[in-house]
Amino acid sequence: MATISELRTRREALAVQRSSGVARVSYDGKTVDYRSAAEIDRAIEALDREIATLEGLRIVRQVRITTSKGL
């Protein structure tokens, strides 16, 4: 299992490559080719979930708002 610092290093590498538009990411001597920016986004979200789990946090993905006129 990866440590939080390793996961953060991977996430940072993905974020840098995502912003530069390059679909090849290298970290810890490994290289991964992604097919699209959406695939990089999904990998970043997966790393965010793993980091949150290791830190004991929960990521909220959906917020529901209910309103009424008070009648």
Protein backbone atom coordinates (compact mmCIF):
# COMPACT_ATOMS: atom_id res chain seq x y z
CA MET A 1 0.00 0.00 0.00
CA ALA A 2 1.27 3.44 -0.90
CA THR A 3 1.90 6.13 1.67
CA ILE A 4 0.16 9.49 1.67
CA SER A 5 3.34 11.25 0.50
CA GLU A 6 3.71 8.84 -2.45
CA LEU A 7 0.08 9.39 -3.43
CA ARG A 8 0.48 13.16 -3.19
CA THR A 9 3.61 12.96 -5.39
CA ARG A 10 1.66 11.02 -8.02
CA ARG A 11 -1.26 13.45 -7.82
CA GLU A 12 1.04 16.45 -8.20
CA ALA A 13 2.70 14.89 -11.26
CA LEU A 14 -0.72 14.24 -12.80
CA ALA A 15 -1.91 17.78 -12.10
CA VAL A 16 1.21 19.31 -13.67
CA GLN A 17 0.90 17.17 -16.78
CA ARG A 18 -2.85 17.82 -16.99
CA SER A 19 -2.29 21.57 -17.00
CA SER A 20 0.45 21.30 -19.63
CA GLY A 21 -1.70 19.17 -21.95
CA VAL A 22 0.79 16.28 -22.06
CA ALA A 23 -0.67 12.79 -21.69
CA ARG A 24 2.54 11.13 -20.40
CA VAL A 25 3.27 11.21 -16.67
CA SER A 26 6.49 10.09 -14.98
CA TYR A 27 7.04 9.58 -11.26
CA ASP A 28 9.30 7.31 -9.20
CA GLY A 29 10.99 6.04 -12.38
CA LYS A 30 7.67 4.91 -13.88
CA THR A 31 5.96 6.33 -16.96
CA VAL A 32 2.24 6.12 -17.71
CA ASP A 33 0.60 7.16 -20.99
CA TYR A 34 -2.98 8.42 -20.78
CA ARG A 35 -5.34 8.54 -23.75
CA SER A 36 -7.16 11.73 -22.82
CA ALA A 37 -7.44 14.56 -20.33
CA ALA A 38 -10.61 12.93 -18.98
CA GLU A 39 -8.61 9.81 -18.13
CA ILE A 40 -6.08 11.96 -16.23
CA ASP A 41 -8.97 13.64 -14.39
CA ARG A 42 -10.33 10.24 -13.33
CA ALA A 43 -6.87 9.21 -12.11
CA ILE A 44 -6.61 12.44 -10.08
CA GLU A 45 -10.04 11.82 -8.54
CA ALA A 46 -9.06 8.25 -7.65
CA LEU A 47 -5.89 9.51 -5.95
CA ASP A 48 -7.91 12.15 -4.08
CA ARG A 49 -10.19 9.39 -2.76
CA GLU A 50 -7.23 7.24 -1.68
CA ILE A 51 -5.54 10.18 0.07
CA ALA A 52 -8.79 11.12 1.83
CA THR A 53 -9.30 7.52 2.96
CA LEU A 54 -5.80 7.32 4.41
CA GLU A 55 -6.31 10.65 6.19
CA GLY A 56 -9.65 9.49 7.56
CA LEU A 57 -11.64 12.04 5.57
CA ARG A 58 -14.68 11.59 3.37
CA ILE A 59 -15.10 13.43 0.07
CA VAL A 60 -18.60 14.76 -0.58
CA ARG A 61 -19.46 14.42 -4.25
CA GLN A 62 -23.12 15.41 -4.19
CA VAL A 63 -24.98 18.21 -2.47
CA ARG A 64 -28.78 18.31 -2.49
CA ILE A 65 -30.63 21.55 -1.96
CA THR A 66 -34.36 21.63 -1.24
CA THR A 67 -36.35 24.84 -1.19
CA SER A 68 -39.94 25.84 -0.65
CA LYS A 69 -41.96 29.02 -0.53
CA GLY A 70 -42.81 28.42 3.09
CA LEU A 71 -46.50 27.74 2.41
